[in-house]
Amino acid sequence: MLTGKRVLICVLFFPIGLFAKSIEVIEIFSQSPPENLSPKIEYRYLENKFQHCKPETLLSLDSMEWHQNTSEVVRVPRNNSGNWLRFRIVNLSKHPVIRTLSLYWLNLPEAELCSIDSKGKYEVFYSGNETSTLFGFRSLLPHFTIQLSPQEEKTYYLFIQTNENIQYPISLLSESDYESQIHIRSAILSFGCLALIVSLLFCGYYYLRTKRKLFITLPILFVSISLTIYFLHGKEFSSIFKSDHSILRHSYFLFLGMTHLSFFLYLASWSIEEEGTAHRSPFFGISGLLGLFYPLIVSFDFWYENRIWILIINYGVMIHYFYKIHSSLFAFRSYSEICYIGSWAVFFLFSVFKTVFQFEFYPYNWLSAYGIIFYIPIFFIVSSFLAGEVTNKWAVEKILLKRSHLTSVDVNACIENLMRLLKRERIYLKQSLKEEDVAKEIGITVHQLSEIINTEFKTSFPSLLNQYRVEEAKFLLIENPNETTSHIAKLAGFSSRSSFYLEFKKATGSNPNNFRKTNPFY
């Protein structure tokens, strides 16, 4: 854990020989604008056995080979012993200069900065990222205060202990620019919280009106996404428990698994609302549980090395089931459906960018690192509102559909004709019988017939036929004791032996053979 002190300074004196190696000098003035130091930073990676800022450590490091970082982002593979970076700054103004060195990444277990000036004076600083703002709900980014006298030149050595590859910019900011950074991050967090509250109110309103479970699982998903982002960019999860455990330190993977599970809860509730069957599939349940593999990435080397497959499989099943369960919306019959699918499509795009970046397969840029943060507030409000609009549209369509089916139909006459076909003509004995054929025989549409059976018989057309077929099969089993059950199934109108056994047991609680043995005089 980082010390709670913002800056601790130790002063010693060293030989000026530490400046023997040539390092690109970063020139600053009293009014210098913010500067990205990343392209001017050198790094040590291989054969690194020195840790922490110590005088003897810097003497040894200075004699070793350093590599120049050439990109706008510091990119260095992680080292179990920690990573060393260095850079040189000179104040060319006639006034003292105070700057803040800011590291654009929250999850750093330890960061130390030490410096040596041209006179051999040595100083050490500790990161101040444990300081919290916004009533303690947000941690500051790791940062150091740098002070340079007029015409003073110093070489800085930055030691970073991290469990991830270094892949973020390091900037030098004025005090006012650093304060602006704090205010902007606080404003973004506040706006995100406000958007979450508004979306939860939308969902609560729609749930009270409709009692749809969809408006319970959708807020759960929103909260899970919010926690994932908050503990990655807002506050360290491990700081709450005062622990450096790998799972707590890399809480992104823990909450990513929770988000995966909550996403499948949302899909299941949507499938139920549409009276679908996708959520009943065993593979659907297994796909939801695949989110449990995310925390394993930071717990076991095997899963870390194969994390790309976890990423591909999990996002694959998420997108597959999202399309399958929302397939009716892809007809784009209304603007609300178009916008709802569009909002999710953009969310998936930003989510994939963010996850691939966090999994260290995509370079740092503002889109991959922060794009989803700016989009999530919009997504929460838009998707919660449109979910209510889409489901309201369903309810209206169902009412209109029901009215249009039965208003012009003599329901009692239709029921009499249906019962005649079932009891007298025994149409259920025909294996290839279709609902369209029966509707045509009665003189109504398929939708009207389906509505009548649903409302008057409290069942579906196939179930109604199977009820009569099972009764027929009972009679045939007793009357024809020497006939096989397969032949009995065909005589009763079943298309296969398996469907016969399934429906027979559902209706009687017994299979056909047992029924025949226990009911000889049925």
Protein backbone atom coordinates (compact mmCIF):
# COMPACT_ATOMS: atom_id res chain seq x y z
CA MET A 1 0.00 0.00 0.00
CA LEU A 2 1.07 3.58 -0.60
CA THR A 3 1.92 5.68 2.39
CA GLY A 4 -0.64 8.24 3.35
CA LYS A 5 1.89 11.07 3.10
CA ARG A 6 1.72 13.28 0.09
CA VAL A 7 5.44 14.14 -0.10
CA LEU A 8 8.38 12.92 1.98
CA ILE A 9 11.77 14.44 1.20
CA CYS A 10 15.16 13.00 2.13
CA VAL A 11 18.25 15.01 1.27
CA LEU A 12 21.66 13.51 0.55
CA PHE A 13 24.54 14.44 -1.72
CA PHE A 14 25.82 12.39 -4.63
CA PRO A 15 28.60 12.54 -7.15
CA ILE A 16 27.68 14.51 -10.23
CA GLY A 17 28.76 11.50 -12.23
CA LEU A 18 25.14 10.38 -12.20
CA PHE A 19 24.62 12.77 -15.12
CA ALA A 20 27.28 11.13 -17.24
CA LYS A 21 24.68 9.47 -19.46
CA SER A 22 22.96 11.73 -21.97
CA ILE A 23 19.22 12.18 -21.34
CA GLU A 24 16.90 14.40 -23.35
CA VAL A 25 16.21 17.51 -21.29
CA ILE A 26 12.63 18.74 -20.80
CA GLU A 27 12.66 22.54 -20.69
CA ILE A 28 9.98 24.34 -18.68
CA PHE A 29 9.20 27.96 -17.86
CA SER A 30 7.01 29.62 -15.29
CA GLN A 31 4.15 29.85 -17.81
CA SER A 32 4.70 26.53 -19.62
CA PRO A 33 1.52 24.76 -20.77
CA PRO A 34 0.73 21.17 -19.73
CA GLU A 35 3.20 18.76 -21.30
CA ASN A 36 3.02 15.06 -22.03
CA LEU A 37 6.38 13.68 -20.88
CA SER A 38 5.83 10.21 -22.34
CA PRO A 39 7.94 10.61 -25.54
CA LYS A 40 10.87 11.95 -23.47
CA ILE A 41 10.90 9.24 -20.82
CA GLU A 42 13.43 6.42 -20.65
CA TYR A 43 12.71 3.05 -19.08
CA ARG A 44 14.41 -0.02 -17.66
CA TYR A 45 12.75 -3.40 -18.06
CA LEU A 46 14.96 -6.48 -18.35
CA GLU A 47 17.19 -7.67 -15.50
CA ASN A 48 15.62 -5.27 -13.08
CA LYS A 49 16.54 -6.29 -9.54
CA PHE A 50 16.45 -2.93 -7.78
CA GLN A 51 13.42 -1.71 -5.86
CA HIS A 52 12.48 1.54 -4.17
CA CYS A 53 14.25 4.88 -4.15
CA LYS A 54 17.60 4.47 -2.44
CA PRO A 55 20.89 6.25 -3.08
CA GLU A 56 22.74 3.03 -3.85
CA THR A 57 19.92 1.95 -6.18
CA LEU A 58 20.29 5.07 -8.33
CA LEU A 59 24.05 4.62 -8.53
CA SER A 60 23.55 1.13 -9.90
CA LEU A 61 20.70 2.11 -12.26
CA ASP A 62 22.66 4.96 -13.80
CA SER A 63 25.35 2.62 -15.06
CA MET A 64 22.83 0.35 -16.82
CA GLU A 65 21.29 0.53 -20.25
CA TRP A 66 18.09 2.56 -20.62
CA HIS A 67 15.57 2.52 -23.48
CA GLN A 68 13.83 5.53 -24.97
CA ASN A 69 10.03 5.54 -25.02
CA THR A 70 8.98 6.90 -28.41
CA SER A 71 5.18 7.06 -28.27
CA GLU A 72 2.70 9.51 -26.75
CA VAL A 73 1.97 6.87 -24.11
CA VAL A 74 4.47 5.13 -21.85
CA ARG A 75 4.42 1.49 -22.90
CA VAL A 76 6.50 -0.89 -20.78
CA PRO A 77 5.76 -4.58 -20.05
CA ARG A 78 5.20 -5.21 -16.37
CA ASN A 79 8.06 -6.53 -14.26
CA ASN A 80 7.43 -8.49 -11.08
CA SER A 81 10.20 -6.54 -9.35
CA GLY A 82 8.77 -3.20 -10.47
CA ASN A 83 9.59 -0.81 -13.31
CA TRP A 84 11.94 2.16 -13.44
CA LEU A 85 11.43 5.27 -15.56
CA ARG A 86 13.58 8.38 -15.75
CA PHE A 87 13.52 11.87 -17.26
CA ARG A 88 15.37 15.17 -16.87
CA ILE A 89 13.78 18.60 -16.35
CA VAL A 90 15.38 22.05 -16.35
CA ASN A 91 13.71 25.29 -15.24
CA LEU A 92 14.84 28.02 -17.67
CA SER A 93 12.82 30.79 -16.06
CA LYS A 94 14.01 33.34 -13.53
CA HIS A 95 11.41 32.25 -11.00
CA PRO A 96 10.82 29.06 -8.98
CA VAL A 97 8.48 26.62 -10.68
CA ILE A 98 6.05 24.19 -9.06
CA ARG A 99 4.57 21.45 -11.21
CA THR A 100 2.50 18.31 -10.63
CA LEU A 101 3.64 15.07 -12.23
CA SER A 102 0.43 13.11 -12.93
CA LEU A 103 0.17 9.44 -13.87
CA TYR A 104 -3.05 8.73 -15.75
CA TRP A 105 -3.84 5.44 -14.08
CA LEU A 106 -5.48 4.79 -10.72
CA ASN A 107 -4.49 1.20 -10.00
CA LEU A 108 -0.87 1.51 -8.84
CA PRO A 109 -0.01 -0.35 -5.62
CA GLU A 110 3.16 1.68 -5.20
CA ALA A 111 4.87 4.64 -6.85
CA GLU A 112 8.00 6.51 -5.73
CA LEU A 113 9.84 9.42 -7.30
CA CYS A 114 13.40 10.42 -6.52
CA SER A 115 15.60 13.13 -8.00
CA ILE A 116 19.21 14.24 -8.21
CA ASP A 117 20.25 17.74 -9.17
CA SER A 118 23.51 18.91 -10.76
CA LYS A 119 25.08 19.33 -7.31
CA GLY A 120 24.36 15.74 -6.30
CA LYS A 121 21.47 16.60 -3.98
CA TYR A 122 19.08 13.65 -3.63
CA GLU A 123 15.36 13.79 -2.82
CA VAL A 124 12.59 11.16 -2.62
CA PHE A 125 8.82 11.65 -2.94
CA TYR A 126 5.86 9.34 -2.41
CA SER A 127 2.68 9.40 -4.47
CA GLY A 128 -0.31 11.30 -3.12
CA ASN A 129 -3.05 9.26 -4.79
CA GLU A 130 -4.58 8.12 -1.49
CA THR A 131 -6.02 11.59 -1.00
CA SER A 132 -9.76 11.45 -1.64
CA THR A 133 -12.08 14.13 -3.00
CA LEU A 134 -15.83 14.51 -3.53
CA PHE A 135 -16.68 13.56 0.10
CA GLY A 136 -14.32 10.58 -0.04
CA PHE A 137 -16.03 8.95 -3.03
CA ARG A 138 -13.13 9.46 -5.43
CA SER A 139 -9.38 8.91 -5.23
CA LEU A 140 -6.90 11.21 -6.92
CA LEU A 141 -4.69 9.89 -9.67
CA PRO A 142 -1.14 9.08 -8.54
CA HIS A 143 0.78 12.35 -8.57
CA PHE A 144 3.91 14.08 -7.27
CA THR A 145 4.72 17.73 -6.61
CA ILE A 146 7.92 18.88 -8.33
CA GLN A 147 9.71 22.09 -7.35
CA LEU A 148 12.57 23.63 -9.34
CA SER A 149 14.55 26.74 -8.53
CA PRO A 150 15.50 29.20 -11.30
CA GLN A 151 17.90 27.57 -13.81
CA GLU A 152 17.86 24.33 -11.76
CA GLU A 153 18.17 20.99 -13.52
CA LYS A 154 17.19 17.61 -12.03
CA THR A 155 17.07 14.01 -13.17
CA TYR A 156 14.02 12.13 -11.88
CA TYR A 157 13.73 8.37 -11.34
CA LEU A 158 10.21 7.00 -11.07
CA PHE A 159 9.72 3.54 -9.53
CA ILE A 160 6.33 1.90 -10.25
CA GLN A 161 5.15 -1.34 -8.67
CA THR A 162 2.24 -2.62 -10.76
CA ASN A 163 0.47 -5.84 -11.63
CA GLU A 164 -0.35 -4.61 -15.14
CA ASN A 165 1.63 -3.49 -18.14
CA ILE A 166 2.40 0.23 -18.04
CA GLN A 167 0.25 1.72 -20.77
CA TYR A 168 -0.76 5.29 -19.98
CA PRO A 169 0.57 8.84 -20.42
CA ILE A 170 2.55 10.76 -17.80
CA SER A 171 2.08 14.53 -17.84
CA LEU A 172 3.56 17.60 -16.19
CA LEU A 173 0.83 20.05 -15.12
CA SER A 174 0.72 23.46 -13.51
CA GLU A 175 -1.14 23.76 -10.21
CA SER A 176 -4.16 25.32 -11.93
CA ASP A 177 -4.23 22.62 -14.64
CA TYR A 178 -4.03 19.92 -12.00
CA GLU A 179 -6.90 21.50 -10.07
CA SER A 180 -8.90 21.60 -13.31
CA GLN A 181 -8.20 17.88 -13.80
CA ILE A 182 -9.59 17.19 -10.32
CA HIS A 183 -12.73 19.24 -11.01
CA ILE A 184 -13.33 17.59 -14.40
CA ARG A 185 -13.05 14.07 -12.96
CA SER A 186 -15.41 15.06 -10.14
CA ALA A 187 -17.89 16.52 -12.63
CA ILE A 188 -17.81 13.36 -14.76
CA LEU A 189 -18.41 11.19 -11.68
CA SER A 190 -21.27 13.43 -10.55
CA PHE A 191 -22.88 13.39 -13.99
CA GLY A 192 -22.56 9.60 -14.16
CA CYS A 193 -24.23 9.23 -10.75
CA LEU A 194 -27.03 11.60 -11.79
CA ALA A 195 -27.60 9.62 -15.00
CA LEU A 196 -27.73 6.37 -13.03
CA ILE A 197 -30.30 7.84 -10.63
CA VAL A 198 -32.45 9.10 -13.51
CA SER A 199 -32.35 5.69 -15.24
CA LEU A 200 -33.26 3.95 -11.97
CA LEU A 201 -36.22 6.30 -11.56
CA PHE A 202 -37.35 5.50 -15.11
CA CYS A 203 -37.14 1.77 -14.39
CA GLY A 204 -38.92 2.17 -11.06
CA TYR A 205 -41.72 4.13 -12.71
CA TYR A 206 -42.19 1.54 -15.46
CA TYR A 207 -42.08 -1.32 -12.96
CA LEU A 208 -44.81 0.21 -10.81
CA ARG A 209 -46.95 0.66 -13.93
CA THR A 210 -46.37 -2.73 -15.57
CA LYS A 211 -44.90 -5.09 -12.91
CA ARG A 212 -42.51 -6.37 -15.56
CA LYS A 213 -39.40 -8.10 -14.18
CA LEU A 214 -37.43 -6.49 -16.99
CA PHE A 215 -37.43 -3.25 -14.98
CA ILE A 216 -35.78 -5.03 -12.07
CA THR A 217 -33.00 -6.77 -13.99
CA LEU A 218 -32.18 -3.71 -16.13
CA PRO A 219 -31.32 -1.53 -13.07
CA ILE A 220 -29.25 -4.42 -11.67
CA LEU A 221 -27.26 -4.40 -14.91
CA PHE A 222 -26.84 -0.60 -14.78
CA VAL A 223 -25.57 -0.72 -11.19
CA SER A 224 -23.14 -3.53 -12.04
CA ILE A 225 -21.73 -1.57 -15.01
CA SER A 226 -21.43 1.54 -12.84
CA LEU A 227 -19.49 -0.30 -10.12
CA THR A 228 -17.16 -1.79 -12.74
CA ILE A 229 -16.24 1.65 -14.06
CA TYR A 230 -16.26 3.38 -10.67
CA PHE A 231 -13.76 1.02 -9.06
CA LEU A 232 -11.54 1.26 -12.13
CA HIS A 233 -11.45 5.05 -12.54
CA GLY A 234 -13.05 6.52 -9.43
CA LYS A 235 -11.79 4.78 -6.33
CA GLU A 236 -9.62 1.75 -5.66
CA PHE A 237 -11.75 -1.18 -4.47
CA SER A 238 -8.83 -2.52 -2.42
CA SER A 239 -8.66 0.74 -0.42
CA ILE A 240 -12.09 -0.04 1.07
CA PHE A 241 -10.86 -3.32 2.55
CA LYS A 242 -7.29 -2.12 3.15
CA SER A 243 -6.01 -5.20 1.35
CA ASP A 244 -3.61 -5.84 -1.54
CA HIS A 245 -5.21 -9.15 -2.52
CA SER A 246 -4.97 -9.70 -6.28
CA ILE A 247 -8.76 -9.91 -6.78
CA LEU A 248 -9.37 -6.70 -4.83
CA ARG A 249 -6.49 -4.89 -6.52
CA HIS A 250 -7.84 -5.90 -9.94
CA SER A 251 -11.50 -5.39 -9.11
CA TYR A 252 -12.24 -4.68 -12.79
CA PHE A 253 -12.18 -8.42 -13.51
CA LEU A 254 -14.36 -9.20 -10.50
CA PHE A 255 -17.01 -6.66 -11.48
CA LEU A 256 -16.71 -7.60 -15.16
CA GLY A 257 -17.84 -11.11 -14.15
CA MET A 258 -20.74 -9.65 -12.16
CA THR A 259 -21.76 -7.51 -15.14
CA HIS A 260 -21.71 -10.58 -17.39
CA LEU A 261 -24.06 -12.43 -15.02
CA SER A 262 -26.41 -9.45 -14.65
CA PHE A 263 -26.48 -9.03 -18.45
CA PHE A 264 -27.83 -12.58 -18.82
CA LEU A 265 -30.42 -11.88 -16.09
CA TYR A 266 -31.57 -8.96 -18.21
CA LEU A 267 -31.69 -11.17 -21.33
CA ALA A 268 -33.73 -13.79 -19.48
CA SER A 269 -36.28 -11.20 -18.34
CA TRP A 270 -36.58 -9.81 -21.89
CA SER A 271 -37.09 -13.33 -23.25
CA ILE A 272 -39.86 -13.93 -20.70
CA GLU A 273 -41.58 -10.66 -21.67
CA GLU A 274 -41.58 -11.73 -25.33
CA GLU A 275 -42.75 -15.23 -24.36
CA GLY A 276 -39.58 -16.64 -25.88
CA THR A 277 -37.82 -19.90 -25.08
CA ALA A 278 -34.13 -18.96 -25.42
CA HIS A 279 -33.73 -18.45 -21.66
CA ARG A 280 -34.84 -22.03 -20.99
CA SER A 281 -31.91 -23.50 -22.88
CA PRO A 282 -29.20 -25.12 -20.68
CA PHE A 283 -26.58 -23.47 -22.88
CA PHE A 284 -28.07 -20.07 -22.00
CA GLY A 285 -27.49 -20.75 -18.30
CA ILE A 286 -23.97 -22.01 -18.95
CA SER A 287 -23.23 -18.90 -21.04
CA GLY A 288 -24.27 -16.69 -18.13
CA LEU A 289 -21.96 -18.55 -15.73
CA LEU A 290 -18.98 -18.03 -18.05
CA GLY A 291 -18.57 -14.64 -16.38
CA LEU A 292 -17.06 -16.49 -13.40
CA PHE A 293 -13.91 -17.00 -15.47
CA TYR A 294 -13.02 -13.29 -15.43
CA PRO A 295 -11.71 -13.23 -11.82
CA LEU A 296 -9.58 -16.30 -12.59
CA ILE A 297 -7.48 -14.19 -14.98
CA VAL A 298 -5.77 -12.39 -12.11
CA SER A 299 -5.66 -15.45 -9.87
CA PHE A 300 -3.95 -18.04 -12.07
CA ASP A 301 -1.20 -17.71 -14.68
CA PHE A 302 -2.89 -20.25 -16.97
CA TRP A 303 -6.04 -18.16 -17.29
CA TYR A 304 -4.02 -14.96 -17.66
CA GLU A 305 -2.10 -16.43 -20.59
CA ASN A 306 -5.37 -17.59 -22.19
CA ARG A 307 -7.47 -14.53 -21.35
CA ILE A 308 -8.06 -13.77 -25.03
CA TRP A 309 -10.23 -16.90 -25.32
CA ILE A 310 -12.29 -15.89 -22.28
CA LEU A 311 -12.82 -12.51 -23.92
CA ILE A 312 -13.81 -13.94 -27.32
CA ILE A 313 -16.15 -16.62 -25.93
CA ASN A 314 -17.89 -14.36 -23.42
CA TYR A 315 -18.51 -11.49 -25.82
CA GLY A 316 -19.48 -14.03 -28.47
CA VAL A 317 -22.27 -15.55 -26.38
CA MET A 318 -23.38 -12.10 -25.18
CA ILE A 319 -23.84 -10.77 -28.70
CA HIS A 320 -25.35 -14.06 -29.95
CA TYR A 321 -28.05 -14.17 -27.28
CA PHE A 322 -28.68 -10.43 -27.46
CA TYR A 323 -29.49 -10.79 -31.17
CA LYS A 324 -31.50 -13.98 -30.65
CA ILE A 325 -33.63 -12.64 -27.82
CA HIS A 326 -34.13 -9.19 -29.38
CA SER A 327 -34.68 -10.57 -32.89
CA SER A 328 -38.19 -9.08 -33.11
CA LEU A 329 -36.72 -5.59 -32.63
CA PHE A 330 -34.37 -6.01 -35.58
CA ALA A 331 -37.39 -5.65 -37.85
CA PHE A 332 -37.06 -1.92 -36.97
CA ARG A 333 -40.80 -1.27 -37.07
CA SER A 334 -40.54 1.95 -35.05
CA TYR A 335 -38.04 4.65 -34.15
CA SER A 336 -38.02 3.50 -30.52
CA GLU A 337 -36.89 0.02 -31.57
CA ILE A 338 -34.23 1.44 -33.90
CA CYS A 339 -32.87 3.73 -31.18
CA TYR A 340 -32.97 0.98 -28.53
CA ILE A 341 -30.96 -1.44 -30.67
CA GLY A 342 -28.67 1.42 -31.71
CA SER A 343 -27.93 2.38 -28.10
CA TRP A 344 -26.96 -1.20 -27.31
CA ALA A 345 -24.83 -1.50 -30.45
CA VAL A 346 -22.78 1.56 -29.44
CA PHE A 347 -22.50 0.19 -25.89
CA PHE A 348 -21.12 -3.11 -27.19
CA LEU A 349 -18.63 -1.22 -29.36
CA PHE A 350 -17.27 0.88 -26.48
CA SER A 351 -17.36 -2.10 -24.12
CA VAL A 352 -15.28 -4.25 -26.47
CA PHE A 353 -12.77 -1.40 -26.93
CA LYS A 354 -12.48 -0.97 -23.17
CA THR A 355 -12.18 -4.67 -22.36
CA VAL A 356 -9.63 -5.36 -25.09
CA PHE A 357 -7.58 -2.43 -23.77
CA GLN A 358 -7.83 -3.65 -20.17
CA PHE A 359 -6.81 -7.12 -21.33
CA GLU A 360 -3.68 -5.48 -22.81
CA PHE A 361 -4.46 -6.37 -26.44
CA TYR A 362 -5.13 -2.81 -27.63
CA PRO A 363 -2.98 0.32 -27.19
CA TYR A 364 -3.94 3.20 -24.98
CA ASN A 365 -5.93 6.02 -26.50
CA TRP A 366 -8.69 8.23 -25.16
CA LEU A 367 -11.39 6.26 -26.98
CA SER A 368 -10.38 2.85 -25.66
CA ALA A 369 -9.61 4.04 -22.13
CA TYR A 370 -12.36 6.61 -21.54
CA GLY A 371 -14.89 6.39 -24.38
CA ILE A 372 -17.29 4.17 -22.42
CA ILE A 373 -17.17 6.53 -19.43
CA PHE A 374 -18.61 9.39 -21.48
CA TYR A 375 -21.15 7.17 -23.23
CA ILE A 376 -22.55 5.27 -20.22
CA PRO A 377 -24.61 8.17 -18.77
CA ILE A 378 -26.29 8.64 -22.16
CA PHE A 379 -26.79 4.89 -22.53
CA PHE A 380 -28.41 4.49 -19.11
CA ILE A 381 -30.98 7.23 -19.65
CA VAL A 382 -31.76 6.41 -23.29
CA SER A 383 -32.00 2.62 -22.91
CA SER A 384 -34.12 2.75 -19.73
CA PHE A 385 -36.55 5.22 -21.32
CA LEU A 386 -36.74 3.30 -24.62
CA ALA A 387 -37.19 -0.04 -22.84
CA GLY A 388 -40.35 1.43 -21.32
CA GLU A 389 -41.49 2.76 -24.69
CA VAL A 390 -40.92 -0.57 -26.45
CA THR A 391 -42.73 -2.61 -23.79
CA ASN A 392 -45.62 -0.12 -23.74
CA LYS A 393 -45.87 -0.57 -27.49
CA TRP A 394 -46.13 -4.33 -26.98
CA ALA A 395 -49.00 -3.89 -24.53
CA VAL A 396 -50.90 -1.64 -26.94
CA GLU A 397 -50.31 -4.06 -29.82
CA LYS A 398 -51.61 -6.98 -27.77
CA ILE A 399 -54.78 -5.09 -26.86
CA LEU A 400 -55.39 -4.03 -30.45
CA LEU A 401 -54.63 -7.53 -31.68
CA LYS A 402 -57.09 -9.06 -29.27
CA ARG A 403 -59.81 -6.61 -30.25
CA SER A 404 -59.26 -7.00 -33.97
CA HIS A 405 -59.40 -10.81 -33.71
CA LEU A 406 -62.63 -11.26 -31.87
CA THR A 407 -64.82 -8.21 -32.36
CA SER A 408 -66.24 -9.48 -35.67
CA VAL A 409 -66.44 -13.16 -34.67
CA ASP A 410 -69.26 -15.17 -33.12
CA VAL A 411 -67.14 -16.82 -30.44
CA ASN A 412 -69.83 -19.28 -29.28
CA ALA A 413 -70.46 -20.49 -32.82
CA CYS A 414 -66.73 -20.98 -33.35
CA ILE A 415 -66.46 -23.02 -30.15
CA GLU A 416 -69.35 -25.24 -31.26
CA ASN A 417 -67.73 -25.85 -34.64
CA LEU A 418 -64.38 -26.61 -33.01
CA MET A 419 -65.93 -29.11 -30.59
CA ARG A 420 -67.74 -30.75 -33.50
CA LEU A 421 -64.45 -31.20 -35.35
CA LEU A 422 -62.79 -32.61 -32.28
CA LYS A 423 -65.50 -34.93 -30.92
CA ARG A 424 -67.44 -36.02 -33.99
CA GLU A 425 -64.94 -35.84 -36.81
CA ARG A 426 -61.96 -36.55 -34.56
CA ILE A 427 -59.61 -34.35 -36.57
CA TYR A 428 -56.89 -34.82 -33.97
CA LEU A 429 -56.19 -38.29 -35.43
CA LYS A 430 -54.59 -36.63 -38.44
CA GLN A 431 -50.85 -36.42 -37.78
CA SER A 432 -50.17 -33.56 -40.20
CA LEU A 433 -53.03 -31.44 -38.93
CA LYS A 434 -52.23 -27.71 -38.88
CA GLU A 435 -53.91 -24.86 -37.07
CA GLU A 436 -54.45 -23.15 -40.43
CA ASP A 437 -56.52 -26.14 -41.64
CA VAL A 438 -58.82 -26.03 -38.61
CA ALA A 439 -59.22 -22.25 -38.85
CA LYS A 440 -60.14 -22.54 -42.51
CA GLU A 441 -62.67 -25.26 -41.71
CA ILE A 442 -64.35 -23.06 -39.09
CA GLY A 443 -64.18 -19.98 -41.31
CA ILE A 444 -61.92 -17.75 -39.21
CA THR A 445 -58.26 -16.68 -39.26
CA VAL A 446 -55.43 -18.49 -37.50
CA HIS A 447 -55.02 -15.57 -35.06
CA GLN A 448 -58.71 -15.66 -34.21
CA LEU A 449 -58.62 -19.42 -33.60
CA SER A 450 -55.51 -19.10 -31.43
CA GLU A 451 -57.14 -16.31 -29.42
CA ILE A 452 -60.31 -18.36 -28.85
CA ILE A 453 -58.38 -21.42 -27.68
CA ASN A 454 -56.18 -19.31 -25.39
CA THR A 455 -59.05 -17.43 -23.79
CA GLU A 456 -61.76 -20.11 -23.67
CA PHE A 457 -59.73 -23.29 -23.16
CA LYS A 458 -56.76 -21.70 -21.35
CA THR A 459 -54.31 -23.63 -23.51
CA SER A 460 -52.69 -23.64 -26.94
CA PHE A 461 -53.76 -25.38 -30.14
CA PRO A 462 -51.10 -28.15 -29.96
CA SER A 463 -51.86 -28.80 -26.29
CA LEU A 464 -55.59 -29.05 -27.01
CA LEU A 465 -55.00 -31.63 -29.73
CA ASN A 466 -52.67 -33.63 -27.50
CA GLN A 467 -55.31 -33.80 -24.76
CA TYR A 468 -57.68 -35.59 -27.16
CA ARG A 469 -54.88 -37.74 -28.57
CA VAL A 470 -53.89 -38.94 -25.09
CA GLU A 471 -57.51 -39.92 -24.35
CA GLU A 472 -57.64 -41.78 -27.65
CA ALA A 473 -54.37 -43.54 -26.83
CA LYS A 474 -55.68 -44.66 -23.43
CA PHE A 475 -58.62 -46.34 -25.13
CA LEU A 476 -56.48 -47.98 -27.81
CA LEU A 477 -53.91 -49.30 -25.32
CA ILE A 478 -56.60 -51.28 -23.49
CA GLU A 479 -58.59 -52.31 -26.54
CA ASN A 480 -55.49 -53.47 -28.42
CA PRO A 481 -53.23 -55.15 -25.85
CA ASN A 482 -51.08 -56.80 -28.54
CA GLU A 483 -50.34 -53.63 -30.49
CA THR A 484 -47.02 -51.91 -29.97
CA THR A 485 -46.96 -48.49 -28.38
CA SER A 486 -45.44 -47.07 -31.56
CA HIS A 487 -48.41 -48.21 -33.59
CA ILE A 488 -50.81 -46.93 -30.93
CA ALA A 489 -49.09 -43.54 -31.13
CA LYS A 490 -49.70 -43.33 -34.89
CA LEU A 491 -53.31 -44.42 -34.54
CA ALA A 492 -53.89 -41.72 -31.90
CA GLY A 493 -52.47 -39.00 -34.16
CA PHE A 494 -48.97 -38.51 -32.68
CA SER A 495 -46.23 -37.84 -35.20
CA SER A 496 -43.52 -39.70 -33.26
CA ARG A 497 -43.13 -42.22 -30.47
CA SER A 498 -41.07 -39.78 -28.38
CA SER A 499 -43.70 -37.04 -28.47
CA PHE A 500 -46.35 -39.67 -27.61
CA TYR A 501 -44.43 -40.78 -24.51
CA LEU A 502 -43.76 -37.18 -23.45
CA GLU A 503 -47.39 -36.01 -23.73
CA PHE A 504 -48.79 -39.25 -22.27
CA LYS A 505 -46.62 -39.03 -19.17
CA LYS A 506 -47.37 -35.32 -18.81
CA ALA A 507 -51.11 -36.06 -18.78
CA THR A 508 -51.20 -39.31 -16.78
CA GLY A 509 -47.98 -39.36 -14.79
CA SER A 510 -47.15 -42.75 -16.26
CA ASN A 511 -45.72 -44.11 -19.50
CA PRO A 512 -47.98 -46.08 -21.92
CA ASN A 513 -46.66 -49.54 -20.95
CA ASN A 514 -47.20 -49.01 -17.25
CA PHE A 515 -50.63 -47.56 -17.93
CA ARG A 516 -51.59 -50.68 -19.89
CA LYS A 517 -50.42 -52.95 -17.06
CA THR A 518 -52.14 -51.04 -14.28
CA ASN A 519 -55.40 -50.33 -16.12
CA PRO A 520 -56.49 -53.59 -17.84
CA PHE A 521 -60.18 -52.64 -17.71
CA TYR A 522 -59.93 -48.90 -18.33
